[in-house]
Every structure is written in structure tokens, then in C-alpha cells.
């Protein structure tokens, strides 16, 4: 089982060493599909999910942010992002610049059993969705130009190095840190950066009592359904092949999402007397984010525990962030993605064990793996949080991060884009 899961990933770190003779058409077909599914998560899944949650005067601004991030991150990934993440390792901390502009990658280059071009594109979709997730934390108040500059710097200085540490032959991967599909690389980084952005920028006017409710939950549910389907490419695609590891990752992903949705729904039902549509779809996203780091390592039993933990843990984290700490993380990016990722990363250490149906642990056992997971999570949080804070301050000194109070009340659609989402 370990060979099925890990060999394709390891070989993928050396993108120009293979030959066309190594190509497996089954693996390639699955990775082409997975790549499309992950892009589908952002465009249109996440875009619609977020757009429905904001007020009607800001619906276009959120769609514009997600769409422009997809375009900009793609180009930055080609220019230097991929090389920094997956180039030859410089002391385990960052990739070199040998692959800038995808230098040396040709029609015949392979990564393991798939074309290198497919591996580049698959990883590009991760680089797209990670900063797009942050949009939900500062929705309805961040200036568009500031967002473009911040996310660009963030991709190069935060996302690419952490990706290299974990997946690109870097020091965290060598330490034995387990993050199958992006618990630390994607969700913990996006969640922690989003929280820092929300703190630095301050709360929306009227928060928490007078902020606008979601303007179109039908749109949100539609986006949520797209996210659920696309997530199979996200997690099962991270096996980098059509194999048993991909099959198990898909199964446990679905189990976790289902149980987290139901857990969130029933907690809300007991607490407030009625279950909400917003609650059940938010629980689903929490379940998907939480199973992500564990998806290639755990079996169905692990998925059951992780799903229930995700629904309960992320629900109460959302309450704590907004009601106790009074932090306006607009669309709950940190409590859902950040806390969910932390839960998943830690439970990976336990349910990777063969006795619980997982792939098995190294010689040190659960305690050793748990220690590594804690250490890797803390390092990711500190690096991402500290640098995000610095980058936000630098960007704010160049371009004000936040629109004025008057502009905020008018809505970002008209103020920043001179358009309206609805003309009824």
C-alpha cells in the first residue's frame, strides 16, 4: 500500500528525469480529470460559494477576486512558483531557479508515470485555490489592487516555500511530516493568513450586529455542491495515479464530508432549534478540509472520527472566533479551513496506524508521528502568520488595504468595478 501511495509522489519531484517510455495512460487520464476537477473547485465552485455568502452589493467583487487570482497565480506559477516549489532543493528550504518559465520541460518529460506538464498543471490548481480561499476572510472590505499585490507576494514567499518543505523534497517531508493533499500546504496556510488579514484590516462596519446576511444561499449551495465533487480530484488526485490509494482517498473524503455535514447540522439544530442550509454546507466544507491531510493515509474508521471531529470542532471554532474574540473573519476561513486542517493533521498521526485501518506508521509509532505532526503544524502557522503580517503591512504602505467606510457602505461592486451584480 505504501508503495502505491508514495512512489508516484516521490518520482513527481524530479519532473524532467523520466522518459516517454515510463508513461502510464491510465494514470495520465486520471490526473487530467483530477486537474480539471480541482480547477472546477475554484472556478466556479468556490467563487459561487463565496459570492452567495456576501451582500448583494459585493457579489461581483468576490467573483472578480477569485477569477483574477486564478489567472494571476497561473502565470506566477509558470514564471517561478513551480521552480521554487519543485526545483532542485536548496538545503531543503526552497527549490532553485532551474525550472523558471518551465525550462527543460518538454512534450516527452515525465514525472513518475504521468507527463510533467500534467503534474505542473495539477500543482498549479493547488496554487490557485489556496490564495482564493483567503478571499473569504477579508470579503467586502479589501481593495482589489491590494489583494492582487498581496496574493502575488504571498504565493512566492509563503506558499511556494511551504510546498517545497512538504512535497518538493524539503526538510519537513524528510522529517516524516504527513500531509497527503494539502492540510498544511493549502488549508492551514490559507486559514492562518486569512485570520491575520482579518485582524490587520479590522472588522466590517457594523460587525457583528449589523453586517449583511448572505444574499443568495441558492448560489452558495450550488457552489458547495461543486466543491464537494471537485474535492475528489483534490484528494484522490494527490495519489498521482489511478490506484488503490486514489480509491481509498476518494472514499474517506466522501465519508468525512457526509458526517461533518450531519454533525454540524445536528449541533445547530439542538442549539438553535432549527437546522440551516448554511450550516450543513459549511459543515461539508469543514469535513473536506479536515480529511484532506489524512486522505491518503487513513481508512474508513479514521474518516468517521475525522468527519465527526470536523463538524463539531469547526462549528465551535466559528462561534469562538466571531462571538468570543470578535474577529471578523467574514466567511469563516480560519475556523473552517485552519482549524479543520489542524484537526486533520493531528488525527492523521493516530488513524494512519494499521490497527485503525490506515497505511501504517514508521518505527516510532503514533506518539512519534503525532510529535512530528504537531511540530510541522506549528512551523507552518508561525511562518505563514508572521510573513503574512509583514506582507500586509508592506502592501498597506504602498496601496491602502481597505476601502473607506463610505466606499464600503456603497459596496465594492460599484466602487471598484463600476458594475452591479443585479439590475432589477
Protein backbone atom coordinates (compact mmCIF):
# COMPACT_ATOMS: atom_id res chain seq x y z
CA UNK A 1 0.00 0.00 0.00
CA UNK A 2 2.78 2.43 0.90
CA UNK A 3 4.41 1.92 -2.48
CA UNK A 4 1.14 2.59 -4.25
CA UNK A 5 0.72 5.86 -2.39
CA UNK A 6 4.18 7.28 -2.23
CA UNK A 7 6.22 6.19 -5.24
CA UNK A 8 4.33 8.36 -7.74
CA UNK A 9 4.68 11.39 -5.45
CA UNK A 10 8.40 10.91 -4.92
CA UNK A 11 9.03 10.44 -8.62
CA UNK A 12 6.99 13.55 -9.29
CA UNK A 13 9.63 15.63 -7.55
CA UNK A 14 12.02 15.05 -10.43
CA UNK A 15 9.99 16.37 -13.34
CA UNK A 16 12.47 16.12 -16.21
CA UNK A 17 14.26 12.87 -15.44
CA UNK A 18 11.72 10.43 -16.84
CA UNK A 19 11.16 9.36 -20.41
CA UNK A 20 8.10 8.81 -22.55
CA UNK A 21 8.52 5.06 -22.04
CA UNK A 22 7.54 5.48 -18.36
CA UNK A 23 4.14 6.93 -19.26
CA UNK A 24 1.03 5.15 -17.96
CA UNK A 25 -2.09 6.16 -19.87
CA UNK A 26 -4.43 5.15 -17.03
CA UNK A 27 -2.57 7.31 -14.50
CA UNK A 28 -2.38 10.13 -17.01
CA UNK A 29 -6.10 10.01 -17.74
CA UNK A 30 -6.97 10.13 -14.05
CA UNK A 31 -4.61 13.05 -13.42
CA UNK A 32 -6.03 15.02 -16.35
CA UNK A 33 -9.50 14.54 -14.85
CA UNK A 34 -8.28 15.40 -11.34
CA UNK A 35 -6.64 18.58 -12.58
CA UNK A 36 -9.87 19.72 -14.20
CA UNK A 37 -11.79 18.85 -11.02
CA UNK A 38 -9.52 20.94 -8.80
CA UNK A 39 -9.80 23.94 -11.11
CA UNK A 40 -13.57 23.34 -11.07
CA UNK A 41 -13.39 23.75 -7.28
CA UNK A 42 -12.25 27.36 -7.67
CA UNK A 43 -13.98 28.22 -10.95
CA UNK A 44 -16.91 28.04 -10.42
CA UNK A 45 -17.26 26.17 -7.08
CA UNK A 46 -15.54 28.41 -4.52
CA UNK A 47 -16.47 31.54 -6.48
CA UNK A 48 -20.20 30.81 -6.25
CA UNK A 49 -19.95 29.55 -2.66
CA UNK A 50 -18.37 32.83 -1.52
CA UNK A 51 -20.43 35.07 -3.79
CA UNK A 52 -23.70 33.85 -2.31
CA UNK A 53 -22.47 34.48 1.24
CA UNK A 54 -21.75 38.20 0.84
CA UNK A 55 -24.19 41.08 0.46
CA UNK A 56 -25.67 41.76 -2.98
CA UNK A 57 -23.52 44.90 -3.35
CA UNK A 58 -20.33 42.82 -3.17
CA UNK A 59 -21.19 39.73 -5.19
CA UNK A 60 -19.19 40.77 -8.26
CA UNK A 61 -16.16 41.80 -6.21
CA UNK A 62 -15.84 38.28 -4.80
CA UNK A 63 -16.29 36.67 -8.22
CA UNK A 64 -13.73 39.09 -9.65
CA UNK A 65 -11.21 38.29 -6.93
CA UNK A 66 -11.48 34.53 -7.41
CA UNK A 67 -11.32 34.80 -11.20
CA UNK A 68 -8.35 37.19 -11.25
CA UNK A 69 -6.47 35.07 -8.69
CA UNK A 70 -6.89 32.05 -10.96
CA UNK A 71 -5.34 33.98 -13.85
CA UNK A 72 -2.55 35.68 -11.92
CA UNK A 73 -1.43 32.68 -9.87
CA UNK A 74 -1.28 30.57 -13.03
CA UNK A 75 1.21 32.94 -14.64
CA UNK A 76 3.30 33.31 -11.48
CA UNK A 77 3.38 29.51 -11.16
CA UNK A 78 4.82 29.22 -14.68
CA UNK A 79 7.33 32.03 -14.17
CA UNK A 80 8.85 30.93 -10.87
CA UNK A 81 6.32 29.32 -8.49
CA UNK A 82 6.75 25.77 -9.76
CA UNK A 83 10.53 26.07 -9.73
CA UNK A 84 10.58 27.41 -6.16
CA UNK A 85 8.28 24.61 -5.02
CA UNK A 86 9.61 21.64 -7.02
CA UNK A 87 13.02 22.67 -8.32
CA UNK A 88 16.28 21.18 -7.03
CA UNK A 89 16.26 21.66 -3.27
CA UNK A 90 18.47 24.31 -1.68
CA UNK A 91 19.23 22.82 1.73
CA UNK A 92 15.66 21.56 2.00
CA UNK A 93 14.18 25.06 2.28
CA UNK A 94 13.36 26.19 -1.25
CA UNK A 95 13.64 25.00 -4.83
CA UNK A 96 16.24 26.59 -7.08
CA UNK A 97 15.50 28.55 -10.25
CA UNK A 98 16.40 25.79 -12.69
CA UNK A 99 12.78 25.43 -13.79
CA UNK A 100 11.80 29.09 -14.24
CA UNK A 101 9.39 29.51 -17.13
CA UNK A 102 9.21 25.69 -17.01
CA UNK A 103 12.68 25.47 -18.51
CA UNK A 104 13.55 21.99 -19.77
CA UNK A 105 10.00 20.61 -19.60
CA UNK A 106 9.06 19.21 -23.00
CA UNK A 107 6.37 17.06 -24.62
CA UNK A 108 8.25 13.91 -23.58
CA UNK A 109 9.11 14.86 -19.97
CA UNK A 110 7.53 12.63 -17.36
CA UNK A 111 7.04 12.76 -13.60
CA UNK A 112 6.73 9.19 -12.47
CA UNK A 113 4.10 7.69 -14.76
CA UNK A 114 2.46 10.93 -15.96
CA UNK A 115 3.63 13.76 -18.22
CA UNK A 116 5.42 16.52 -16.34
CA UNK A 117 3.08 19.01 -17.97
CA UNK A 118 0.15 17.33 -16.21
CA UNK A 119 1.97 17.37 -12.86
CA UNK A 120 2.78 21.07 -13.32
CA UNK A 121 -0.84 21.84 -14.14
CA UNK A 122 -2.20 19.74 -11.27
CA UNK A 123 0.00 21.56 -8.78
CA UNK A 124 -0.92 24.87 -10.40
CA UNK A 125 -4.56 24.32 -9.47
CA UNK A 126 -3.50 24.00 -5.82
CA UNK A 127 -1.57 27.27 -6.11
CA UNK A 128 -4.76 28.84 -7.46
CA UNK A 129 -7.24 27.69 -4.85
CA UNK A 130 -5.06 28.40 -1.80
CA UNK A 131 -4.97 32.22 -2.10
CA UNK A 132 -8.55 32.14 -3.40
CA UNK A 133 -9.64 30.59 -0.10
CA UNK A 134 -8.29 33.67 1.70
CA UNK A 135 -10.75 35.90 -0.14
CA UNK A 136 -13.47 34.83 2.28
CA UNK A 137 -11.59 36.25 5.28
CA UNK A 138 -11.43 39.84 4.02
CA UNK A 139 -14.53 39.88 1.80
CA UNK A 140 -16.46 43.14 1.43
CA UNK A 141 -13.64 45.47 2.51
CA UNK A 142 -10.28 44.82 0.78
CA UNK A 143 -9.16 46.94 -2.14
CA UNK A 144 -8.81 44.95 -5.38
CA UNK A 145 -5.32 46.26 -6.24
CA UNK A 146 -4.09 45.47 -2.73
CA UNK A 147 -5.45 41.96 -2.98
CA UNK A 148 -3.59 41.33 -6.24
CA UNK A 149 -0.28 42.53 -4.82
CA UNK A 150 -0.66 40.69 -1.52
CA UNK A 151 -1.62 37.33 -3.03
CA UNK A 152 1.22 37.57 -5.57
CA UNK A 153 3.84 38.12 -2.89
CA UNK A 154 2.16 35.52 -0.69
CA UNK A 155 2.39 32.82 -3.35
CA UNK A 156 6.11 33.36 -3.88
CA UNK A 157 7.25 33.94 -0.29
CA UNK A 158 4.88 31.71 1.69
CA UNK A 159 3.06 29.15 -0.42
CA UNK A 160 5.99 28.04 -2.62
CA UNK A 161 8.47 27.50 0.27
CA UNK A 162 5.96 25.55 2.38
CA UNK A 163 5.04 23.43 -0.63
CA UNK A 164 8.72 22.64 -1.09
CA UNK A 165 9.15 21.77 2.60
CA UNK A 166 6.34 19.23 2.48
CA UNK A 167 6.10 17.91 -1.10
CA UNK A 168 9.12 19.16 -3.01
CA UNK A 169 11.89 17.22 -1.29
CA UNK A 170 12.23 19.66 1.60
CA UNK A 171 13.03 19.27 5.26
CA UNK A 172 9.51 18.71 6.63
CA UNK A 173 8.90 15.87 4.20
CA UNK A 174 12.26 14.35 5.13
CA UNK A 175 11.28 14.60 8.78
CA UNK A 176 8.26 12.39 8.08
CA UNK A 177 5.55 15.05 8.23
CA UNK A 178 2.36 13.68 6.66
CA UNK A 179 0.16 15.94 4.57
CA UNK A 180 -1.34 13.95 1.73
CA UNK A 181 -3.33 16.56 -0.17
CA UNK A 182 -2.76 19.93 1.45
CA UNK A 183 -3.88 20.19 5.07
CA UNK A 184 -0.83 22.30 5.94
CA UNK A 185 0.17 23.39 2.46
CA UNK A 186 -3.29 24.65 1.45
CA UNK A 187 -5.80 24.91 4.29
CA UNK A 188 -3.62 25.81 7.26
CA UNK A 189 -1.76 28.46 5.26
CA UNK A 190 -4.92 29.96 3.78
CA UNK A 191 -6.71 29.87 7.12
CA UNK A 192 -3.92 31.46 9.16
CA UNK A 193 -3.18 34.11 6.53
CA UNK A 194 -6.88 34.90 6.30
CA UNK A 195 -7.12 35.33 10.07
CA UNK A 196 -4.12 37.68 10.10
CA UNK A 197 -5.64 39.69 7.25
CA UNK A 198 -8.95 39.99 9.09
CA UNK A 199 -7.16 41.23 12.22
CA UNK A 200 -4.89 43.68 10.40
CA UNK A 201 -7.73 45.16 8.33
CA UNK A 202 -10.24 45.33 11.16
CA UNK A 203 -13.90 44.41 11.26
CA UNK A 204 -16.52 45.40 8.74
CA UNK A 205 -18.67 48.38 9.63
CA UNK A 206 -21.42 47.26 11.99
CA UNK A 207 -19.83 43.93 12.88
CA UNK A 208 -21.13 41.79 14.48
CA UNK A 209 -24.69 43.06 14.90
CA UNK A 210 -25.33 44.93 11.64
CA UNK A 211 -23.43 43.03 8.97
CA UNK A 212 -25.46 41.95 5.96
CA UNK A 213 -26.67 38.32 5.84
CA UNK A 214 -25.89 36.07 2.84
CA UNK A 215 -27.75 37.49 -0.14
CA UNK A 216 -28.20 34.26 -2.13
CA UNK A 217 -27.99 30.92 -0.36
CA UNK A 218 -29.10 29.13 -3.52
CA UNK A 219 -25.87 30.31 -5.14
CA UNK A 220 -23.90 29.21 -2.08
CA UNK A 221 -25.37 25.70 -2.08
CA UNK A 222 -24.69 25.38 -5.80
CA UNK A 223 -21.05 26.32 -5.21
CA UNK A 224 -20.85 23.95 -2.25
CA UNK A 225 -22.02 21.02 -4.38
CA UNK A 226 -19.36 21.86 -6.95
CA UNK A 227 -16.72 21.99 -4.23
CA UNK A 228 -17.74 18.54 -2.97
CA UNK A 229 -17.44 16.96 -6.41
CA UNK A 230 -14.24 18.81 -7.26
CA UNK A 231 -12.63 17.75 -3.97
CA UNK A 232 -12.37 14.17 -5.25
CA UNK A 233 -9.78 15.43 -7.71
CA UNK A 234 -8.09 17.38 -4.92
CA UNK A 235 -7.66 14.41 -2.56
CA UNK A 236 -7.81 11.30 -4.76
CA UNK A 237 -5.73 13.07 -7.42
CA UNK A 238 -2.95 13.54 -4.89
CA UNK A 239 -2.19 9.82 -5.21
CA UNK A 240 -0.77 10.88 -8.62
CA UNK A 241 -2.14 7.76 -10.26
CA UNK A 242 -5.18 5.55 -10.82
CA UNK A 243 -4.54 3.14 -7.97
CA UNK A 244 -5.81 1.81 -4.65
CA UNK A 245 -4.56 4.89 -2.83
CA UNK A 246 -6.71 7.12 -5.02
CA UNK A 247 -9.72 4.90 -4.43
CA UNK A 248 -9.35 4.97 -0.65
CA UNK A 249 -8.73 8.74 -0.67
CA UNK A 250 -11.98 9.26 -2.58
CA UNK A 251 -13.94 7.01 -0.23
CA UNK A 252 -12.71 8.58 3.01
CA UNK A 253 -13.19 12.07 1.57
CA UNK A 254 -16.87 11.37 0.95
CA UNK A 255 -17.38 9.75 4.37
CA UNK A 256 -15.81 12.69 6.21
CA UNK A 257 -17.78 15.32 4.28
CA UNK A 258 -21.06 13.50 4.91
CA UNK A 259 -20.52 13.05 8.63
CA UNK A 260 -19.21 16.57 9.18
CA UNK A 261 -22.30 17.98 7.44
CA UNK A 262 -24.64 15.95 9.62
CA UNK A 263 -22.68 16.71 12.80
CA UNK A 264 -22.76 20.47 12.17
CA UNK A 265 -26.46 20.28 11.28
CA UNK A 266 -27.47 18.39 14.43
CA UNK A 267 -25.40 20.63 16.75
CA UNK A 268 -27.04 23.68 15.21
CA UNK A 269 -30.46 22.04 15.41
CA UNK A 270 -30.04 21.32 19.12
CA UNK A 271 -28.56 24.75 19.86
CA UNK A 272 -30.94 26.96 17.87
CA UNK A 273 -33.98 24.78 17.33
CA UNK A 274 -33.73 24.56 13.55
CA UNK A 275 -31.17 23.16 11.09
CA UNK A 276 -29.95 25.61 8.46
CA UNK A 277 -28.86 25.18 4.87
CA UNK A 278 -25.86 27.41 5.54
CA UNK A 279 -24.87 25.17 8.46
CA UNK A 280 -24.99 21.89 6.60
CA UNK A 281 -22.94 23.15 3.63
CA UNK A 282 -20.40 24.81 5.93
CA UNK A 283 -20.09 21.51 7.78
CA UNK A 284 -19.44 19.80 4.47
CA UNK A 285 -16.55 22.15 3.67
CA UNK A 286 -15.16 21.60 7.17
CA UNK A 287 -15.26 17.83 6.67
CA UNK A 288 -13.49 18.10 3.32
CA UNK A 289 -10.77 20.39 4.66
CA UNK A 290 -10.19 18.20 7.71
CA UNK A 291 -9.85 14.91 5.82
CA UNK A 292 -7.51 16.45 3.23
CA UNK A 293 -4.18 15.86 5.02
CA UNK A 294 -5.25 12.36 6.11
CA UNK A 295 -6.98 11.18 2.94
CA UNK A 296 -4.14 9.03 1.63
CA UNK A 297 -3.20 7.57 5.00
CA UNK A 298 -6.42 6.60 6.81
CA UNK A 299 -9.21 4.09 6.26
CA UNK A 300 -12.99 4.36 6.76
CA UNK A 301 -12.77 4.25 10.57
CA UNK A 302 -10.43 7.21 10.57
CA UNK A 303 -12.72 9.06 8.18
CA UNK A 304 -15.68 8.55 10.52
CA UNK A 305 -13.85 10.01 13.52
CA UNK A 306 -12.34 12.82 11.45
CA UNK A 307 -15.72 13.76 9.96
CA UNK A 308 -17.45 13.98 13.34
CA UNK A 309 -14.49 15.89 14.82
CA UNK A 310 -14.55 18.31 11.89
CA UNK A 311 -18.24 19.08 12.22
CA UNK A 312 -18.08 19.69 15.97
CA UNK A 313 -14.63 21.29 16.14
CA UNK A 314 -15.14 23.74 13.31
CA UNK A 315 -18.64 24.68 14.50
CA UNK A 316 -17.41 25.72 17.94
CA UNK A 317 -14.29 27.35 16.47
CA UNK A 318 -16.55 29.55 14.34
CA UNK A 319 -18.52 30.58 17.42
CA UNK A 320 -15.32 31.31 19.35
CA UNK A 321 -13.66 33.42 16.66
CA UNK A 322 -16.66 35.63 15.98
CA UNK A 323 -18.57 35.72 19.25
CA UNK A 324 -15.80 35.50 21.83
CA UNK A 325 -12.77 37.02 20.10
CA UNK A 326 -14.92 39.38 17.96
CA UNK A 327 -12.71 38.85 14.90
CA UNK A 328 -14.49 39.46 11.61
CA UNK A 329 -13.23 36.56 9.52
CA UNK A 330 -16.04 37.30 7.08
CA UNK A 331 -16.75 33.83 5.70
CA UNK A 332 -15.10 31.74 8.45
CA UNK A 333 -11.90 30.85 6.61
CA UNK A 334 -9.77 30.20 9.70
CA UNK A 335 -12.27 28.26 11.84
CA UNK A 336 -13.30 26.06 8.91
CA UNK A 337 -10.06 25.64 6.94
CA UNK A 338 -7.40 26.46 9.52
CA UNK A 339 -8.90 24.62 12.50
CA UNK A 340 -10.12 21.83 10.23
CA UNK A 341 -6.61 21.36 8.86
CA UNK A 342 -5.13 21.26 12.37
CA UNK A 343 -7.62 18.61 13.46
CA UNK A 344 -6.92 16.55 10.35
CA UNK A 345 -3.15 16.85 10.60
CA UNK A 346 -3.13 15.67 14.22
CA UNK A 347 -5.63 12.85 13.73
CA UNK A 348 -3.54 11.65 10.77
CA UNK A 349 -0.94 10.51 13.28
CA UNK A 350 -3.46 8.31 15.07
CA UNK A 351 -5.52 6.88 12.25
CA UNK A 352 -2.57 6.21 9.94
CA UNK A 353 -1.95 3.28 12.25
CA UNK A 354 -2.62 -0.12 10.68
CA UNK A 355 -4.69 -1.16 13.69
CA UNK A 356 -7.23 1.54 12.72
CA UNK A 357 -7.22 0.65 9.03
CA UNK A 358 -4.52 3.09 7.95
CA UNK A 359 -1.44 2.55 5.80
CA UNK A 360 0.79 2.04 8.82
CA UNK A 361 3.29 4.12 10.75
CA UNK A 362 7.06 4.28 10.87
CA UNK A 363 9.05 2.66 13.64
CA UNK A 364 8.33 5.36 16.23
CA UNK A 365 4.60 4.67 16.25
CA UNK A 366 1.70 7.01 16.98
CA UNK A 367 3.48 9.18 19.57
CA UNK A 368 6.44 9.86 17.29
CA UNK A 369 4.20 10.68 14.34
CA UNK A 370 1.97 12.87 16.49
CA UNK A 371 5.00 14.86 17.64
CA UNK A 372 6.07 15.38 14.05
CA UNK A 373 2.56 16.48 13.06
CA UNK A 374 2.41 18.98 15.92
CA UNK A 375 5.84 20.37 15.07
CA UNK A 376 5.07 20.68 11.35
CA UNK A 377 1.75 22.39 12.04
CA UNK A 378 3.34 24.92 14.42
CA UNK A 379 6.13 25.72 11.96
CA UNK A 380 3.60 26.26 9.18
CA UNK A 381 1.46 28.51 11.38
CA UNK A 382 4.40 30.61 12.57
CA UNK A 383 5.98 31.03 9.13
CA UNK A 384 2.72 31.81 7.39
CA UNK A 385 1.32 34.02 10.15
CA UNK A 386 4.45 36.11 10.66
CA UNK A 387 5.18 36.62 6.97
CA UNK A 388 1.54 37.31 6.13
CA UNK A 389 1.52 40.06 8.75
CA UNK A 390 4.71 41.59 7.34
CA UNK A 391 3.43 41.40 3.75
CA UNK A 392 0.12 43.01 4.68
CA UNK A 393 1.95 45.89 6.34
CA UNK A 394 4.24 46.34 3.33
CA UNK A 395 1.31 46.29 0.90
CA UNK A 396 -0.62 48.76 3.05
CA UNK A 397 2.33 51.17 2.90
CA UNK A 398 2.16 51.02 -0.91
CA UNK A 399 -1.60 50.73 -1.51
CA UNK A 400 -4.19 51.07 1.28
CA UNK A 401 -5.51 47.61 2.07
CA UNK A 402 -9.00 48.69 2.91
CA UNK A 403 -11.61 50.82 1.15
CA UNK A 404 -13.03 53.79 3.01
CA UNK A 405 -16.11 53.45 5.22
CA UNK A 406 -18.19 55.32 2.65
CA UNK A 407 -16.97 53.04 -0.15
CA UNK A 408 -17.72 50.01 1.98
CA UNK A 409 -21.30 51.14 2.51
CA UNK A 410 -21.79 51.67 -1.24
CA UNK A 411 -20.44 48.19 -1.98
CA UNK A 412 -17.28 47.11 -3.76
CA UNK A 413 -19.06 46.17 -6.98
CA UNK A 414 -19.82 49.77 -7.90
CA UNK A 415 -16.88 51.42 -6.12
CA UNK A 416 -14.12 49.19 -7.53
CA UNK A 417 -15.60 47.82 -10.74
CA UNK A 418 -18.41 50.24 -11.71
CA UNK A 419 -20.76 47.32 -12.17
CA UNK A 420 -23.70 45.82 -10.29
CA UNK A 421 -24.47 42.16 -9.80
CA UNK A 422 -28.20 42.78 -10.10
CA UNK A 423 -30.09 45.35 -12.15
CA UNK A 424 -33.71 44.64 -11.26
